[in-house]
Amino acid sequence: LLEWLHDGGTTLAACTQEQVDAWLTE
């Protein structure tokens, strides 16, 4: 998850619920 966020140009502190949901469903 942290790697996916990093690759998408965001951090854990800045990520949204929508991003987490997208990662979970993918």
PDB file of all heavy atoms in Angstrom:
ATOM      1  N   LEU A   1       0.835  -1.206   0.000  1.00  0.00           N
ATOM      2  CA  LEU A   1       0.000   0.000   0.000  1.00  0.00           C
ATOM      3  C   LEU A   1       0.864   1.249   0.000  1.00  0.00           C
ATOM      4  O   LEU A   1       0.647   2.169  -0.794  1.00  0.00           O
ATOM      5  CB  LEU A   1      -0.938   0.019   1.205  1.00  0.00           C
ATOM      6  CG  LEU A   1      -1.707   1.328   1.436  1.00  0.00           C
ATOM      7  CD1 LEU A   1      -2.613   1.664   0.252  1.00  0.00           C
ATOM      8  CD2 LEU A   1      -2.499   1.263   2.735  1.00  0.00           C
ATOM      9  N   LEU A   2       1.853   1.302   0.866  1.00  0.00           N
ATOM     10  CA  LEU A   2       2.725   2.477   0.936  1.00  0.00           C
ATOM     11  C   LEU A   2       3.485   2.680  -0.373  1.00  0.00           C
ATOM     12  O   LEU A   2       3.645   3.811  -0.833  1.00  0.00           O
ATOM     13  CB  LEU A   2       3.681   2.355   2.124  1.00  0.00           C
ATOM     14  CG  LEU A   2       3.013   2.361   3.500  1.00  0.00           C
ATOM     15  CD1 LEU A   2       4.033   2.076   4.584  1.00  0.00           C
ATOM     16  CD2 LEU A   2       2.275   3.664   3.752  1.00  0.00           C
ATOM     17  N   GLU A   3       3.921   1.593  -0.982  1.00  0.00           N
ATOM     18  CA  GLU A   3       4.606   1.690  -2.270  1.00  0.00           C
ATOM     19  C   GLU A   3       3.651   2.199  -3.350  1.00  0.00           C
ATOM     20  O   GLU A   3       4.017   3.053  -4.155  1.00  0.00           O
ATOM     21  CB  GLU A   3       5.153   0.318  -2.661  1.00  0.00           C
ATOM     22  CG  GLU A   3       5.902   0.305  -3.969  1.00  0.00           C
ATOM     23  CD  GLU A   3       6.457  -1.069  -4.296  1.00  0.00           C
ATOM     24  OE1 GLU A   3       5.725  -2.071  -4.182  1.00  0.00           O
ATOM     25  OE2 GLU A   3       7.635  -1.118  -4.685  1.00  0.00           O
ATOM     26  N   TRP A   4       2.424   1.699  -3.362  1.00  0.00           N
ATOM     27  CA  TRP A   4       1.418   2.124  -4.334  1.00  0.00           C
ATOM     28  C   TRP A   4       1.130   3.615  -4.179  1.00  0.00           C
ATOM     29  O   TRP A   4       1.040   4.341  -5.169  1.00  0.00           O
ATOM     30  CB  TRP A   4       0.151   1.284  -4.148  1.00  0.00           C
ATOM     31  CG  TRP A   4      -0.950   1.576  -5.088  1.00  0.00           C
ATOM     32  CD1 TRP A   4      -1.103   1.102  -6.361  1.00  0.00           C
ATOM     33  CD2 TRP A   4      -2.094   2.410  -4.835  1.00  0.00           C
ATOM     34  NE1 TRP A   4      -2.273   1.581  -6.914  1.00  0.00           N
ATOM     35  CE2 TRP A   4      -2.902   2.388  -5.997  1.00  0.00           C
ATOM     36  CE3 TRP A   4      -2.527   3.152  -3.746  1.00  0.00           C
ATOM     37  CZ2 TRP A   4      -4.099   3.086  -6.080  1.00  0.00           C
ATOM     38  CZ3 TRP A   4      -3.717   3.851  -3.841  1.00  0.00           C
ATOM     39  CH2 TRP A   4      -4.490   3.822  -4.999  1.00  0.00           C
ATOM     40  N   LEU A   5       0.999   4.064  -2.935  1.00  0.00           N
ATOM     41  CA  LEU A   5       0.768   5.493  -2.695  1.00  0.00           C
ATOM     42  C   LEU A   5       1.953   6.313  -3.199  1.00  0.00           C
ATOM     43  O   LEU A   5       1.779   7.323  -3.879  1.00  0.00           O
ATOM     44  CB  LEU A   5       0.530   5.759  -1.209  1.00  0.00           C
ATOM     45  CG  LEU A   5      -0.799   5.264  -0.648  1.00  0.00           C
ATOM     46  CD1 LEU A   5      -0.798   5.392   0.877  1.00  0.00           C
ATOM     47  CD2 LEU A   5      -1.972   6.016  -1.253  1.00  0.00           C
ATOM     48  N   HIS A   6       3.157   5.873  -2.884  1.00  0.00           N
ATOM     49  CA  HIS A   6       4.369   6.577  -3.314  1.00  0.00           C
ATOM     50  C   HIS A   6       4.444   6.652  -4.834  1.00  0.00           C
ATOM     51  O   HIS A   6       4.729   7.708  -5.405  1.00  0.00           O
ATOM     52  CB  HIS A   6       5.604   5.868  -2.751  1.00  0.00           C
ATOM     53  CG  HIS A   6       6.886   6.516  -3.152  1.00  0.00           C
ATOM     54  ND1 HIS A   6       7.585   6.137  -4.291  1.00  0.00           N
ATOM     55  CD2 HIS A   6       7.584   7.523  -2.593  1.00  0.00           C
ATOM     56  CE1 HIS A   6       8.665   6.880  -4.392  1.00  0.00           C
ATOM     57  NE2 HIS A   6       8.693   7.730  -3.381  1.00  0.00           N
ATOM     58  N   ASP A   7       4.173   5.521  -5.487  1.00  0.00           N
ATOM     59  CA  ASP A   7       4.207   5.491  -6.952  1.00  0.00           C
ATOM     60  C   ASP A   7       3.164   6.428  -7.555  1.00  0.00           C
ATOM     61  O   ASP A   7       3.343   6.930  -8.666  1.00  0.00           O
ATOM     62  CB  ASP A   7       3.993   4.068  -7.473  1.00  0.00           C
ATOM     63  CG  ASP A   7       5.176   3.156  -7.189  1.00  0.00           C
ATOM     64  OD1 ASP A   7       6.248   3.647  -6.784  1.00  0.00           O
ATOM     65  OD2 ASP A   7       5.009   1.926  -7.357  1.00  0.00           O
ATOM     66  N   GLY A   8       2.080   6.665  -6.824  1.00  0.00           N
ATOM     67  CA  GLY A   8       1.036   7.572  -7.282  1.00  0.00           C
ATOM     68  C   GLY A   8       1.270   9.014  -6.877  1.00  0.00           C
ATOM     69  O   GLY A   8       0.425   9.884  -7.100  1.00  0.00           O
ATOM     70  N   GLY A   9       2.417   9.265  -6.250  1.00  0.00           N
ATOM     71  CA  GLY A   9       2.776  10.632  -5.892  1.00  0.00           C
ATOM     72  C   GLY A   9       2.096  11.160  -4.640  1.00  0.00           C
ATOM     73  O   GLY A   9       1.954  12.375  -4.491  1.00  0.00           O
ATOM     74  N   THR A  10       1.691  10.276  -3.751  1.00  0.00           N
ATOM     75  CA  THR A  10       1.060  10.739  -2.512  1.00  0.00           C
ATOM     76  C   THR A  10       1.676  10.034  -1.306  1.00  0.00           C
ATOM     77  O   THR A  10       2.477   9.116  -1.452  1.00  0.00           O
ATOM     78  CB  THR A  10      -0.473  10.539  -2.557  1.00  0.00           C
ATOM     79  OG1 THR A  10      -1.075  11.267  -1.488  1.00  0.00           O
ATOM     80  CG2 THR A  10      -0.867   9.078  -2.457  1.00  0.00           C
ATOM     81  N   THR A  11       1.306  10.499  -0.154  1.00  0.00           N
ATOM     82  CA  THR A  11       1.787   9.919   1.094  1.00  0.00           C
ATOM     83  C   THR A  11       0.600   9.381   1.876  1.00  0.00           C
ATOM     84  O   THR A  11      -0.552   9.688   1.582  1.00  0.00           O
ATOM     85  CB  THR A  11       2.489  10.976   1.953  1.00  0.00           C
ATOM     86  OG1 THR A  11       1.523  11.977   2.319  1.00  0.00           O
ATOM     87  CG2 THR A  11       3.661  11.608   1.224  1.00  0.00           C
ATOM     88  N   LEU A  12       0.897   8.632   2.890  1.00  0.00           N
ATOM     89  CA  LEU A  12      -0.163   8.128   3.760  1.00  0.00           C
ATOM     90  C   LEU A  12      -0.920   9.285   4.396  1.00  0.00           C
ATOM     91  O   LEU A  12      -2.147   9.261   4.495  1.00  0.00           O
ATOM     92  CB  LEU A  12       0.428   7.213   4.831  1.00  0.00           C
ATOM     93  CG  LEU A  12      -0.565   6.559   5.778  1.00  0.00           C
ATOM     94  CD1 LEU A  12      -1.528   5.662   5.018  1.00  0.00           C
ATOM     95  CD2 LEU A  12       0.172   5.771   6.838  1.00  0.00           C
ATOM     96  N   ALA A  13      -0.202  10.309   4.797  1.00  0.00           N
ATOM     97  CA  ALA A  13      -0.835  11.462   5.445  1.00  0.00           C
ATOM     98  C   ALA A  13      -1.785  12.204   4.513  1.00  0.00           C
ATOM     99  O   ALA A  13      -2.761  12.798   4.961  1.00  0.00           O
ATOM    100  CB  ALA A  13       0.235  12.415   5.973  1.00  0.00           C
ATOM    101  N   ALA A  14      -1.532  12.134   3.215  1.00  0.00           N
ATOM    102  CA  ALA A  14      -2.339  12.885   2.253  1.00  0.00           C
ATOM    103  C   ALA A  14      -3.369  12.033   1.515  1.00  0.00           C
ATOM    104  O   ALA A  14      -4.233  12.571   0.829  1.00  0.00           O
ATOM    105  CB  ALA A  14      -1.424  13.561   1.234  1.00  0.00           C
ATOM    106  N   CYS A  15      -3.297  10.726   1.648  1.00  0.00           N
ATOM    107  CA  CYS A  15      -4.200   9.886   0.859  1.00  0.00           C
ATOM    108  C   CYS A  15      -5.642   9.999   1.351  1.00  0.00           C
ATOM    109  O   CYS A  15      -5.904  10.338   2.496  1.00  0.00           O
ATOM    110  CB  CYS A  15      -3.733   8.434   0.843  1.00  0.00           C
ATOM    111  SG  CYS A  15      -4.182   7.446   2.258  1.00  0.00           S
ATOM    112  N   THR A  16      -6.538   9.700   0.453  1.00  0.00           N
ATOM    113  CA  THR A  16      -7.965   9.796   0.746  1.00  0.00           C
ATOM    114  C   THR A  16      -8.571   8.406   0.911  1.00  0.00           C
ATOM    115  O   THR A  16      -7.970   7.396   0.511  1.00  0.00           O
ATOM    116  CB  THR A  16      -8.704  10.514  -0.398  1.00  0.00           C
ATOM    117  OG1 THR A  16      -8.598   9.700  -1.574  1.00  0.00           O
ATOM    118  CG2 THR A  16      -8.136  11.898  -0.652  1.00  0.00           C
ATOM    119  N   GLN A  17      -9.767   8.373   1.439  1.00  0.00           N
ATOM    120  CA  GLN A  17     -10.489   7.106   1.559  1.00  0.00           C
ATOM    121  C   GLN A  17     -10.719   6.502   0.175  1.00  0.00           C
ATOM    122  O   GLN A  17     -10.646   5.290   0.001  1.00  0.00           O
ATOM    123  CB  GLN A  17     -11.821   7.312   2.276  1.00  0.00           C
ATOM    124  CG  GLN A  17     -12.595   6.015   2.485  1.00  0.00           C
ATOM    125  CD  GLN A  17     -11.879   5.058   3.411  1.00  0.00           C
ATOM    126  OE1 GLN A  17     -11.477   5.445   4.503  1.00  0.00           O
ATOM    127  NE2 GLN A  17     -11.715   3.809   2.979  1.00  0.00           N
ATOM    128  N   GLU A  18     -10.964   7.355  -0.801  1.00  0.00           N
ATOM    129  CA  GLU A  18     -11.186   6.880  -2.162  1.00  0.00           C
ATOM    130  C   GLU A  18      -9.947   6.161  -2.706  1.00  0.00           C
ATOM    131  O   GLU A  18     -10.060   5.152  -3.403  1.00  0.00           O
ATOM    132  CB  GLU A  18     -11.581   8.035  -3.093  1.00  0.00           C
ATOM    133  CG  GLU A  18     -12.961   8.595  -2.823  1.00  0.00           C
ATOM    134  CD  GLU A  18     -13.004   9.556  -1.620  1.00  0.00           C
ATOM    135  OE1 GLU A  18     -11.946  10.071  -1.196  1.00  0.00           O
ATOM    136  OE2 GLU A  18     -14.108   9.771  -1.103  1.00  0.00           O
ATOM    137  N   GLN A  19      -8.772   6.679  -2.396  1.00  0.00           N
ATOM    138  CA  GLN A  19      -7.541   6.020  -2.834  1.00  0.00           C
ATOM    139  C   GLN A  19      -7.381   4.664  -2.161  1.00  0.00           C
ATOM    140  O   GLN A  19      -7.018   3.686  -2.811  1.00  0.00           O
ATOM    141  CB  GLN A  19      -6.331   6.905  -2.544  1.00  0.00           C
ATOM    142  CG  GLN A  19      -6.238   8.106  -3.452  1.00  0.00           C
ATOM    143  CD  GLN A  19      -5.162   9.065  -3.003  1.00  0.00           C
ATOM    144  OE1 GLN A  19      -5.190   9.552  -1.873  1.00  0.00           O
ATOM    145  NE2 GLN A  19      -4.219   9.341  -3.887  1.00  0.00           N
ATOM    146  N   VAL A  20      -7.643   4.613  -0.869  1.00  0.00           N
ATOM    147  CA  VAL A  20      -7.547   3.336  -0.147  1.00  0.00           C
ATOM    148  C   VAL A  20      -8.559   2.344  -0.728  1.00  0.00           C
ATOM    149  O   VAL A  20      -8.223   1.186  -0.976  1.00  0.00           O
ATOM    150  CB  VAL A  20      -7.763   3.527   1.372  1.00  0.00           C
ATOM    151  CG1 VAL A  20      -7.845   2.179   2.086  1.00  0.00           C
ATOM    152  CG2 VAL A  20      -6.652   4.383   1.964  1.00  0.00           C
ATOM    153  N   ASP A  21      -9.781   2.802  -0.959  1.00  0.00           N
ATOM    154  CA  ASP A  21     -10.802   1.933  -1.541  1.00  0.00           C
ATOM    155  C   ASP A  21     -10.376   1.412  -2.905  1.00  0.00           C
ATOM    156  O   ASP A  21     -10.581   0.232  -3.225  1.00  0.00           O
ATOM    157  CB  ASP A  21     -12.143   2.667  -1.653  1.00  0.00           C
ATOM    158  CG  ASP A  21     -12.790   2.928  -0.306  1.00  0.00           C
ATOM    159  OD1 ASP A  21     -12.396   2.297   0.702  1.00  0.00           O
ATOM    160  OD2 ASP A  21     -13.700   3.779  -0.258  1.00  0.00           O
ATOM    161  N   ALA A  22      -9.782   2.279  -3.731  1.00  0.00           N
ATOM    162  CA  ALA A  22      -9.319   1.860  -5.054  1.00  0.00           C
ATOM    163  C   ALA A  22      -8.249   0.786  -4.925  1.00  0.00           C
ATOM    164  O   ALA A  22      -8.284  -0.236  -5.628  1.00  0.00           O
ATOM    165  CB  ALA A  22      -8.781   3.057  -5.839  1.00  0.00           C
ATOM    166  N   TRP A  23      -7.292   0.984  -4.033  1.00  0.00           N
ATOM    167  CA  TRP A  23      -6.227   0.000  -3.835  1.00  0.00           C
ATOM    168  C   TRP A  23      -6.806  -1.333  -3.362  1.00  0.00           C
ATOM    169  O   TRP A  23      -6.408  -2.397  -3.843  1.00  0.00           O
ATOM    170  CB  TRP A  23      -5.193   0.537  -2.838  1.00  0.00           C
ATOM    171  CG  TRP A  23      -4.052  -0.405  -2.630  1.00  0.00           C
ATOM    172  CD1 TRP A  23      -2.987  -0.587  -3.463  1.00  0.00           C
ATOM    173  CD2 TRP A  23      -3.871  -1.298  -1.538  1.00  0.00           C
ATOM    174  NE1 TRP A  23      -2.149  -1.541  -2.941  1.00  0.00           N
ATOM    175  CE2 TRP A  23      -2.662  -1.990  -1.754  1.00  0.00           C
ATOM    176  CE3 TRP A  23      -4.597  -1.572  -0.385  1.00  0.00           C
ATOM    177  CZ2 TRP A  23      -2.171  -2.944  -0.873  1.00  0.00           C
ATOM    178  CZ3 TRP A  23      -4.110  -2.518   0.502  1.00  0.00           C
ATOM    179  CH2 TRP A  23      -2.916  -3.200   0.256  1.00  0.00           C
ATOM    180  N   LEU A  24      -7.760  -1.265  -2.454  1.00  0.00           N
ATOM    181  CA  LEU A  24      -8.360  -2.496  -1.939  1.00  0.00           C
ATOM    182  C   LEU A  24      -9.092  -3.268  -3.024  1.00  0.00           C
ATOM    183  O   LEU A  24      -9.009  -4.497  -3.082  1.00  0.00           O
ATOM    184  CB  LEU A  24      -9.327  -2.182  -0.791  1.00  0.00           C
ATOM    185  CG  LEU A  24      -8.686  -1.750   0.522  1.00  0.00           C
ATOM    186  CD1 LEU A  24      -9.747  -1.228   1.483  1.00  0.00           C
ATOM    187  CD2 LEU A  24      -7.894  -2.889   1.157  1.00  0.00           C
ATOM    188  N   THR A  25      -9.796  -2.567  -3.901  1.00  0.00           N
ATOM    189  CA  THR A  25     -10.592  -3.254  -4.916  1.00  0.00           C
ATOM    190  C   THR A  25      -9.774  -3.724  -6.113  1.00  0.00           C
ATOM    191  O   THR A  25     -10.234  -4.586  -6.850  1.00  0.00           O
ATOM    192  CB  THR A  25     -11.750  -2.363  -5.424  1.00  0.00           C
ATOM    193  OG1 THR A  25     -11.219  -1.165  -5.984  1.00  0.00           O
ATOM    194  CG2 THR A  25     -12.715  -2.035  -4.308  1.00  0.00           C
ATOM    195  N   GLU A  26      -8.568  -3.187  -6.274  1.00  0.00           N
ATOM    196  CA  GLU A  26      -7.729  -3.561  -7.420  1.00  0.00           C
ATOM    197  C   GLU A  26      -6.913  -4.829  -7.187  1.00  0.00           C
ATOM    198  O   GLU A  26      -6.166  -5.241  -8.063  1.00  0.00           O
ATOM    199  CB  GLU A  26      -6.769  -2.423  -7.766  1.00  0.00           C
ATOM    200  CG  GLU A  26      -7.449  -1.207  -8.337  1.00  0.00           C
ATOM    201  CD  GLU A  26      -6.498  -0.035  -8.514  1.00  0.00           C
ATOM    202  OE1 GLU A  26      -5.279  -0.175  -8.243  1.00  0.00           O
ATOM    203  OE2 GLU A  26      -6.971   1.033  -8.919  1.00  0.00           O
TER     204      GLU A  26
END
